[in-house]
N, C-alpha and C. Protein backbone atom coordinates (compact mmCIF):
# COMPACT_ATOMS: atom_id res chain seq x y z
N MET A 1 -102.04 23.09 58.88
CA MET A 1 -101.62 23.37 57.53
C MET A 1 -102.85 23.35 56.62
N PRO A 2 -102.91 24.26 55.68
CA PRO A 2 -104.07 24.30 54.80
C PRO A 2 -104.10 23.08 53.89
N ARG A 3 -105.31 22.66 53.58
CA ARG A 3 -105.48 21.54 52.65
C ARG A 3 -105.80 22.12 51.28
N ALA A 4 -105.26 21.50 50.27
CA ALA A 4 -105.50 21.95 48.91
C ALA A 4 -105.50 20.75 47.99
N GLU A 5 -106.13 20.89 46.88
CA GLU A 5 -106.11 19.85 45.87
C GLU A 5 -104.72 19.83 45.23
N THR A 6 -104.20 18.65 44.98
CA THR A 6 -102.90 18.51 44.36
C THR A 6 -103.00 18.90 42.89
N THR A 7 -102.07 19.71 42.45
CA THR A 7 -102.03 20.09 41.04
C THR A 7 -100.72 19.60 40.44
N PHE A 8 -100.62 19.68 39.15
CA PHE A 8 -99.43 19.26 38.43
C PHE A 8 -98.21 20.07 38.85
N HIS A 9 -98.43 21.28 39.29
CA HIS A 9 -97.32 22.18 39.62
C HIS A 9 -96.80 22.00 41.05
N GLU A 10 -97.41 21.12 41.80
CA GLU A 10 -96.95 20.88 43.16
C GLU A 10 -96.00 19.70 43.19
N LEU A 11 -95.09 19.73 44.15
CA LEU A 11 -94.08 18.69 44.27
C LEU A 11 -94.24 17.97 45.60
N THR A 12 -93.97 16.68 45.60
CA THR A 12 -93.97 15.92 46.85
C THR A 12 -92.69 16.25 47.62
N VAL A 13 -92.66 15.91 48.88
CA VAL A 13 -91.48 16.15 49.69
C VAL A 13 -90.29 15.37 49.13
N GLY A 14 -90.54 14.15 48.65
CA GLY A 14 -89.47 13.36 48.07
C GLY A 14 -88.90 13.99 46.81
N ARG A 15 -89.78 14.56 45.99
CA ARG A 15 -89.33 15.21 44.75
C ARG A 15 -88.53 16.48 45.07
N VAL A 16 -88.97 17.25 46.04
CA VAL A 16 -88.22 18.45 46.45
C VAL A 16 -86.85 18.04 46.98
N ALA A 17 -86.81 16.98 47.78
CA ALA A 17 -85.54 16.50 48.32
C ALA A 17 -84.61 16.08 47.19
N GLU A 18 -85.16 15.34 46.23
CA GLU A 18 -84.35 14.87 45.10
C GLU A 18 -83.83 16.03 44.27
N ARG A 19 -84.69 16.98 43.95
CA ARG A 19 -84.30 18.10 43.09
C ARG A 19 -83.38 19.09 43.79
N SER A 20 -83.52 19.24 45.10
CA SER A 20 -82.74 20.25 45.83
C SER A 20 -81.46 19.69 46.43
N GLY A 21 -81.38 18.37 46.57
CA GLY A 21 -80.21 17.78 47.22
C GLY A 21 -80.25 17.88 48.73
N VAL A 22 -81.41 18.16 49.28
CA VAL A 22 -81.60 18.30 50.72
C VAL A 22 -82.42 17.09 51.20
N SER A 23 -82.09 16.57 52.35
CA SER A 23 -82.82 15.41 52.86
C SER A 23 -84.27 15.78 53.21
N VAL A 24 -85.11 14.76 53.24
CA VAL A 24 -86.51 14.96 53.62
C VAL A 24 -86.58 15.53 55.03
N SER A 25 -85.75 15.02 55.93
CA SER A 25 -85.78 15.51 57.31
C SER A 25 -85.38 16.99 57.37
N ALA A 26 -84.45 17.42 56.52
CA ALA A 26 -84.07 18.84 56.49
C ALA A 26 -85.25 19.68 55.99
N LEU A 27 -85.98 19.20 55.00
CA LEU A 27 -87.16 19.92 54.52
C LEU A 27 -88.20 20.04 55.62
N HIS A 28 -88.41 18.97 56.37
CA HIS A 28 -89.36 19.03 57.49
C HIS A 28 -88.88 20.05 58.53
N PHE A 29 -87.57 20.06 58.79
CA PHE A 29 -87.00 21.03 59.73
C PHE A 29 -87.22 22.45 59.22
N TYR A 30 -86.93 22.70 57.95
CA TYR A 30 -87.14 24.03 57.38
C TYR A 30 -88.60 24.45 57.51
N GLU A 31 -89.50 23.52 57.27
CA GLU A 31 -90.92 23.84 57.37
C GLU A 31 -91.32 24.12 58.81
N ALA A 32 -90.84 23.29 59.73
CA ALA A 32 -91.17 23.49 61.14
C ALA A 32 -90.65 24.83 61.66
N ASN A 33 -89.59 25.34 61.04
CA ASN A 33 -89.01 26.61 61.45
C ASN A 33 -89.47 27.79 60.60
N GLY A 34 -90.49 27.58 59.78
CA GLY A 34 -91.10 28.67 59.03
C GLY A 34 -90.30 29.15 57.83
N LEU A 35 -89.36 28.35 57.34
CA LEU A 35 -88.55 28.76 56.19
C LEU A 35 -89.22 28.42 54.87
N ILE A 36 -89.99 27.35 54.84
CA ILE A 36 -90.76 26.96 53.67
C ILE A 36 -92.15 26.55 54.14
N THR A 37 -93.09 26.48 53.21
CA THR A 37 -94.45 26.07 53.55
C THR A 37 -94.93 25.01 52.58
N SER A 38 -95.92 24.28 53.03
CA SER A 38 -96.53 23.27 52.17
C SER A 38 -98.03 23.31 52.38
N THR A 39 -98.71 22.65 51.47
CA THR A 39 -100.14 22.39 51.65
C THR A 39 -100.26 20.89 51.86
N ARG A 40 -101.47 20.41 52.06
CA ARG A 40 -101.69 18.98 52.25
C ARG A 40 -102.64 18.47 51.18
N SER A 41 -102.33 17.28 50.68
CA SER A 41 -103.18 16.64 49.69
C SER A 41 -104.39 16.03 50.41
N ALA A 42 -105.31 15.49 49.63
CA ALA A 42 -106.48 14.83 50.21
C ALA A 42 -106.05 13.66 51.09
N GLY A 43 -104.90 13.05 50.76
CA GLY A 43 -104.35 11.95 51.56
C GLY A 43 -103.45 12.42 52.68
N ASN A 44 -103.45 13.72 52.97
CA ASN A 44 -102.68 14.35 54.04
C ASN A 44 -101.17 14.30 53.80
N GLN A 45 -100.76 14.28 52.53
CA GLN A 45 -99.34 14.31 52.20
C GLN A 45 -98.93 15.75 51.88
N ARG A 46 -97.69 16.08 52.25
CA ARG A 46 -97.18 17.42 51.96
C ARG A 46 -97.06 17.64 50.47
N ARG A 47 -97.38 18.85 50.05
CA ARG A 47 -97.18 19.27 48.66
C ARG A 47 -96.56 20.67 48.70
N TYR A 48 -95.51 20.84 47.90
CA TYR A 48 -94.77 22.11 47.86
C TYR A 48 -94.94 22.75 46.50
N SER A 49 -95.02 24.06 46.50
CA SER A 49 -95.05 24.78 45.22
C SER A 49 -93.64 24.74 44.63
N ARG A 50 -93.55 24.95 43.33
CA ARG A 50 -92.26 24.84 42.64
C ARG A 50 -91.25 25.89 43.12
N ASP A 51 -91.72 27.05 43.57
CA ASP A 51 -90.78 28.07 44.05
C ASP A 51 -90.06 27.63 45.32
N THR A 52 -90.52 26.56 45.95
CA THR A 52 -89.84 26.03 47.12
C THR A 52 -88.41 25.63 46.78
N LEU A 53 -88.20 25.16 45.55
CA LEU A 53 -86.84 24.79 45.14
C LEU A 53 -85.89 25.98 45.21
N ARG A 54 -86.34 27.15 44.77
CA ARG A 54 -85.50 28.34 44.86
C ARG A 54 -85.28 28.75 46.30
N ARG A 55 -86.31 28.64 47.10
CA ARG A 55 -86.18 29.01 48.51
C ARG A 55 -85.19 28.09 49.22
N VAL A 56 -85.25 26.79 48.92
CA VAL A 56 -84.31 25.85 49.54
C VAL A 56 -82.89 26.14 49.07
N ALA A 57 -82.72 26.45 47.79
CA ALA A 57 -81.39 26.81 47.29
C ALA A 57 -80.88 28.05 48.01
N PHE A 58 -81.75 29.01 48.22
CA PHE A 58 -81.39 30.24 48.94
C PHE A 58 -81.00 29.92 50.38
N ILE A 59 -81.76 29.06 51.04
CA ILE A 59 -81.45 28.67 52.42
C ILE A 59 -80.06 28.04 52.49
N ARG A 60 -79.81 27.10 51.61
CA ARG A 60 -78.51 26.40 51.62
C ARG A 60 -77.36 27.36 51.32
N ALA A 61 -77.52 28.22 50.34
CA ALA A 61 -76.45 29.18 50.01
C ALA A 61 -76.22 30.12 51.18
N SER A 62 -77.27 30.57 51.82
CA SER A 62 -77.15 31.49 52.96
C SER A 62 -76.44 30.82 54.13
N GLN A 63 -76.79 29.57 54.39
CA GLN A 63 -76.13 28.85 55.46
C GLN A 63 -74.64 28.67 55.17
N ARG A 64 -74.30 28.43 53.93
CA ARG A 64 -72.89 28.22 53.56
C ARG A 64 -72.04 29.46 53.81
N VAL A 65 -72.63 30.65 53.75
CA VAL A 65 -71.86 31.86 54.01
C VAL A 65 -72.05 32.37 55.44
N GLY A 66 -72.66 31.54 56.29
CA GLY A 66 -72.72 31.85 57.71
C GLY A 66 -73.91 32.66 58.17
N ILE A 67 -74.95 32.75 57.39
CA ILE A 67 -76.14 33.50 57.82
C ILE A 67 -76.98 32.59 58.73
N PRO A 68 -77.33 33.04 59.92
CA PRO A 68 -78.14 32.23 60.83
C PRO A 68 -79.56 32.00 60.29
N LEU A 69 -80.16 30.88 60.68
CA LEU A 69 -81.50 30.55 60.20
C LEU A 69 -82.53 31.61 60.53
N ALA A 70 -82.43 32.25 61.68
CA ALA A 70 -83.39 33.30 62.04
C ALA A 70 -83.35 34.45 61.03
N ASP A 71 -82.15 34.80 60.57
CA ASP A 71 -82.02 35.87 59.59
C ASP A 71 -82.50 35.41 58.21
N ILE A 72 -82.27 34.15 57.92
CA ILE A 72 -82.76 33.61 56.65
C ILE A 72 -84.28 33.63 56.64
N ARG A 73 -84.90 33.22 57.74
CA ARG A 73 -86.36 33.24 57.84
C ARG A 73 -86.90 34.65 57.67
N GLN A 74 -86.25 35.62 58.30
CA GLN A 74 -86.68 37.01 58.19
C GLN A 74 -86.61 37.48 56.74
N ALA A 75 -85.56 37.11 56.04
CA ALA A 75 -85.42 37.49 54.63
C ALA A 75 -86.51 36.83 53.79
N LEU A 76 -86.75 35.55 54.04
CA LEU A 76 -87.78 34.84 53.27
C LEU A 76 -89.18 35.39 53.56
N ASP A 77 -89.40 35.84 54.80
CA ASP A 77 -90.70 36.43 55.15
C ASP A 77 -90.96 37.71 54.36
N GLY A 78 -89.88 38.37 53.94
CA GLY A 78 -90.02 39.61 53.18
C GLY A 78 -90.23 39.38 51.68
N LEU A 79 -90.16 38.13 51.25
CA LEU A 79 -90.36 37.82 49.83
C LEU A 79 -91.83 37.56 49.56
N PRO A 80 -92.25 37.77 48.32
CA PRO A 80 -93.66 37.56 47.99
C PRO A 80 -94.05 36.09 48.12
N GLN A 81 -95.23 35.84 48.67
CA GLN A 81 -95.72 34.47 48.82
C GLN A 81 -96.57 34.03 47.63
N ALA A 82 -97.14 34.99 46.93
CA ALA A 82 -98.08 34.65 45.86
C ALA A 82 -97.39 34.36 44.52
N ARG A 83 -96.09 34.57 44.45
CA ARG A 83 -95.37 34.32 43.20
C ARG A 83 -93.93 33.94 43.50
N THR A 84 -93.28 33.38 42.51
CA THR A 84 -91.87 33.04 42.65
C THR A 84 -91.06 34.34 42.72
N PRO A 85 -90.20 34.47 43.72
CA PRO A 85 -89.37 35.68 43.81
C PRO A 85 -88.53 35.86 42.54
N ASN A 86 -88.41 37.11 42.13
CA ASN A 86 -87.63 37.40 40.92
C ASN A 86 -86.27 37.97 41.30
N ALA A 87 -85.48 38.33 40.29
CA ALA A 87 -84.12 38.84 40.52
C ALA A 87 -84.14 40.10 41.39
N GLU A 88 -85.11 40.95 41.19
CA GLU A 88 -85.20 42.18 42.00
C GLU A 88 -85.44 41.85 43.48
N ASP A 89 -86.30 40.87 43.73
CA ASP A 89 -86.56 40.46 45.11
C ASP A 89 -85.28 39.94 45.77
N TRP A 90 -84.56 39.08 45.06
CA TRP A 90 -83.34 38.51 45.61
C TRP A 90 -82.26 39.58 45.78
N SER A 91 -82.23 40.56 44.89
CA SER A 91 -81.24 41.65 45.00
C SER A 91 -81.45 42.45 46.27
N ARG A 92 -82.71 42.68 46.62
CA ARG A 92 -82.99 43.42 47.86
C ARG A 92 -82.45 42.67 49.08
N VAL A 93 -82.64 41.36 49.09
CA VAL A 93 -82.11 40.55 50.20
C VAL A 93 -80.59 40.63 50.22
N ALA A 94 -79.97 40.46 49.07
CA ALA A 94 -78.51 40.49 48.99
C ALA A 94 -77.96 41.83 49.47
N GLU A 95 -78.61 42.91 49.12
CA GLU A 95 -78.13 44.23 49.53
C GLU A 95 -78.22 44.39 51.05
N ARG A 96 -79.28 43.87 51.65
CA ARG A 96 -79.41 43.96 53.11
C ARG A 96 -78.31 43.18 53.81
N TRP A 97 -77.83 42.12 53.19
CA TRP A 97 -76.82 41.28 53.82
C TRP A 97 -75.40 41.65 53.43
N ARG A 98 -75.24 42.60 52.56
CA ARG A 98 -73.90 42.94 52.06
C ARG A 98 -72.92 43.29 53.17
N GLU A 99 -73.33 44.14 54.10
CA GLU A 99 -72.44 44.56 55.18
C GLU A 99 -72.06 43.37 56.06
N ARG A 100 -73.03 42.54 56.38
CA ARG A 100 -72.76 41.37 57.20
C ARG A 100 -71.79 40.43 56.50
N LEU A 101 -71.97 40.21 55.23
CA LEU A 101 -71.08 39.33 54.47
C LEU A 101 -69.68 39.92 54.40
N ASP A 102 -69.59 41.23 54.24
CA ASP A 102 -68.27 41.88 54.25
C ASP A 102 -67.58 41.67 55.59
N GLU A 103 -68.33 41.77 56.69
CA GLU A 103 -67.76 41.53 58.02
C GLU A 103 -67.28 40.08 58.14
N ASN A 104 -68.09 39.15 57.62
CA ASN A 104 -67.69 37.74 57.66
C ASN A 104 -66.42 37.51 56.86
N ILE A 105 -66.31 38.15 55.71
CA ILE A 105 -65.11 38.02 54.88
C ILE A 105 -63.90 38.57 55.62
N ASP A 106 -64.04 39.74 56.23
CA ASP A 106 -62.94 40.33 57.01
C ASP A 106 -62.52 39.40 58.14
N GLN A 107 -63.49 38.80 58.80
CA GLN A 107 -63.19 37.90 59.91
C GLN A 107 -62.44 36.66 59.41
N LEU A 108 -62.84 36.13 58.27
CA LEU A 108 -62.15 34.96 57.71
C LEU A 108 -60.73 35.31 57.27
N ILE A 109 -60.53 36.50 56.73
CA ILE A 109 -59.19 36.93 56.34
C ILE A 109 -58.30 37.05 57.57
N ARG A 110 -58.83 37.65 58.65
CA ARG A 110 -58.05 37.75 59.89
C ARG A 110 -57.71 36.38 60.42
N LEU A 111 -58.67 35.46 60.38
CA LEU A 111 -58.41 34.11 60.85
C LEU A 111 -57.31 33.46 60.02
N ARG A 112 -57.38 33.61 58.72
CA ARG A 112 -56.35 33.03 57.84
C ARG A 112 -54.98 33.60 58.17
N GLU A 113 -54.90 34.93 58.31
CA GLU A 113 -53.61 35.57 58.59
C GLU A 113 -53.08 35.19 59.95
N ASP A 114 -53.94 35.18 60.95
CA ASP A 114 -53.51 34.85 62.30
C ASP A 114 -53.12 33.40 62.42
N LEU A 115 -53.83 32.53 61.76
CA LEU A 115 -53.51 31.12 61.80
C LEU A 115 -52.13 30.87 61.20
N ALA A 116 -51.84 31.54 60.10
CA ALA A 116 -50.53 31.38 59.47
C ALA A 116 -49.42 31.85 60.40
N SER A 117 -49.62 32.96 61.10
CA SER A 117 -48.57 33.45 62.00
C SER A 117 -48.40 32.52 63.20
N CYS A 118 -49.49 31.96 63.69
CA CYS A 118 -49.39 31.05 64.83
C CYS A 118 -48.71 29.75 64.43
N ILE A 119 -49.01 29.24 63.26
CA ILE A 119 -48.35 28.02 62.82
C ILE A 119 -46.86 28.27 62.65
N GLY A 120 -46.50 29.47 62.15
CA GLY A 120 -45.09 29.81 61.99
C GLY A 120 -44.37 29.89 63.32
N CYS A 121 -45.07 30.35 64.35
CA CYS A 121 -44.48 30.47 65.69
C CYS A 121 -44.28 29.09 66.29
N GLY A 122 -45.25 28.24 66.15
CA GLY A 122 -45.16 26.89 66.67
C GLY A 122 -45.79 26.69 68.03
N CYS A 123 -46.11 27.77 68.76
CA CYS A 123 -46.64 27.56 70.10
C CYS A 123 -48.13 27.21 70.09
N LEU A 124 -48.88 27.78 69.15
CA LEU A 124 -50.32 27.55 69.02
C LEU A 124 -51.08 27.79 70.32
N SER A 125 -50.59 28.67 71.16
CA SER A 125 -51.24 28.97 72.42
C SER A 125 -51.72 30.42 72.40
N MET A 126 -53.02 30.63 72.39
CA MET A 126 -53.55 31.98 72.42
C MET A 126 -53.36 32.61 73.79
N THR A 127 -53.12 31.80 74.83
CA THR A 127 -52.91 32.34 76.17
C THR A 127 -51.47 32.81 76.35
N ALA A 128 -50.53 32.04 75.85
CA ALA A 128 -49.12 32.33 76.09
C ALA A 128 -48.45 33.05 74.93
N CYS A 129 -49.11 33.22 73.82
CA CYS A 129 -48.47 33.78 72.63
C CYS A 129 -48.07 35.24 72.85
N ARG A 130 -46.79 35.52 72.77
CA ARG A 130 -46.28 36.89 72.96
C ARG A 130 -46.66 37.79 71.80
N LEU A 131 -46.93 37.22 70.65
CA LEU A 131 -47.25 38.01 69.47
C LEU A 131 -48.70 38.46 69.45
N THR A 132 -49.61 37.54 69.70
CA THR A 132 -51.03 37.87 69.52
C THR A 132 -51.78 38.15 70.80
N ASN A 133 -51.27 37.72 71.94
CA ASN A 133 -52.00 37.89 73.19
C ASN A 133 -51.03 37.99 74.37
N ASN A 134 -50.15 38.95 74.31
CA ASN A 134 -49.11 39.12 75.33
C ASN A 134 -49.74 39.21 76.72
N ASN A 135 -49.24 38.40 77.64
CA ASN A 135 -49.70 38.37 79.04
C ASN A 135 -51.21 38.12 79.16
N ASP A 136 -51.80 37.45 78.19
CA ASP A 136 -53.22 37.08 78.19
C ASP A 136 -54.12 38.31 78.42
N ARG A 137 -53.74 39.46 77.86
CA ARG A 137 -54.48 40.70 78.09
C ARG A 137 -55.90 40.66 77.52
N LEU A 138 -56.17 39.80 76.55
CA LEU A 138 -57.51 39.75 75.97
C LEU A 138 -58.52 39.08 76.89
N SER A 139 -58.06 38.35 77.90
CA SER A 139 -59.00 37.69 78.81
C SER A 139 -59.84 38.71 79.57
N SER A 140 -59.32 39.93 79.76
CA SER A 140 -60.08 40.96 80.48
C SER A 140 -61.26 41.47 79.66
N GLU A 141 -61.27 41.19 78.36
CA GLU A 141 -62.36 41.65 77.49
C GLU A 141 -63.52 40.67 77.44
N GLY A 142 -63.36 39.51 78.05
CA GLY A 142 -64.44 38.53 78.08
C GLY A 142 -64.02 37.19 77.51
N PRO A 143 -64.93 36.22 77.57
CA PRO A 143 -64.59 34.87 77.11
C PRO A 143 -64.60 34.76 75.59
N GLY A 144 -64.01 33.68 75.12
CA GLY A 144 -64.05 33.38 73.69
C GLY A 144 -62.88 33.94 72.93
N ALA A 145 -62.91 33.70 71.64
CA ALA A 145 -61.83 34.14 70.76
C ALA A 145 -62.05 35.61 70.43
N ARG A 146 -61.62 36.48 71.31
CA ARG A 146 -61.89 37.92 71.22
C ARG A 146 -61.38 38.54 69.93
N ARG A 147 -60.21 38.12 69.46
CA ARG A 147 -59.62 38.71 68.27
C ARG A 147 -60.39 38.35 67.01
N LEU A 148 -61.18 37.29 67.08
CA LEU A 148 -61.89 36.84 65.90
C LEU A 148 -63.33 37.32 65.86
N MET A 149 -63.78 38.02 66.89
CA MET A 149 -65.15 38.50 66.94
C MET A 149 -65.27 39.83 66.19
N PRO A 150 -66.34 40.00 65.42
CA PRO A 150 -66.53 41.27 64.71
C PRO A 150 -66.58 42.44 65.68
N GLY A 151 -65.97 43.53 65.29
CA GLY A 151 -66.01 44.75 66.08
C GLY A 151 -64.98 44.82 67.18
N THR A 152 -64.14 43.81 67.33
CA THR A 152 -63.10 43.87 68.35
C THR A 152 -61.78 44.23 67.69
N PRO A 153 -60.98 45.06 68.36
CA PRO A 153 -59.71 45.46 67.75
C PRO A 153 -58.74 44.28 67.68
N ARG A 154 -57.90 44.32 66.70
CA ARG A 154 -56.87 43.28 66.56
C ARG A 154 -55.80 43.51 67.62
N ALA A 155 -55.18 42.43 68.04
CA ALA A 155 -54.10 42.56 69.02
C ALA A 155 -52.97 43.39 68.42
N ASP A 156 -52.38 44.20 69.23
CA ASP A 156 -51.32 45.07 68.75
C ASP A 156 -49.99 44.33 68.76
N VAL A 157 -49.46 44.08 67.60
CA VAL A 157 -48.22 43.34 67.46
C VAL A 157 -47.07 44.09 68.13
N ALA A 158 -47.18 45.41 68.21
CA ALA A 158 -46.09 46.23 68.77
C ALA A 158 -45.97 46.04 70.28
N GLU A 159 -46.94 45.39 70.92
CA GLU A 159 -46.88 45.21 72.37
C GLU A 159 -46.10 43.98 72.78
N GLN A 160 -45.23 43.49 71.95
CA GLN A 160 -44.47 42.29 72.29
C GLN A 160 -43.59 42.58 73.51
N ALA A 161 -43.43 41.58 74.34
CA ALA A 161 -42.62 41.77 75.55
C ALA A 161 -41.15 41.55 75.23
């Protein structure tokens, strides 16, 4: 890590944790994974630029909507390092993620609708359910919750036995 003289505009790891609401260990994790960067003081202590607070807020918001850390890192790598990202920079990131977020929203809506129908049925069995998975036909498509995966067709309700 590069060494630099501490300036008034730099924040300690504790101050970033306090201001961002993220634990010190999470900040170290973010740094180890290339999501944020720091310099080192003469005493070898981490120092973060003030724009780190916005980056951490972005990381947390992205995680809350289901964006994987690898994609978050890629988005952050595309932001300017020499200045605090502005609204235009963040808009570009948001536009790139719009389709993915729409898919996530669709998936959550399907989950909500399907969960309500399963609770109404009472069986709660994706293997035996005549409504959503008649004769366990989805098992031939592979493992996991096939109906909840993006790009997979919904079970046909008309195929009830």
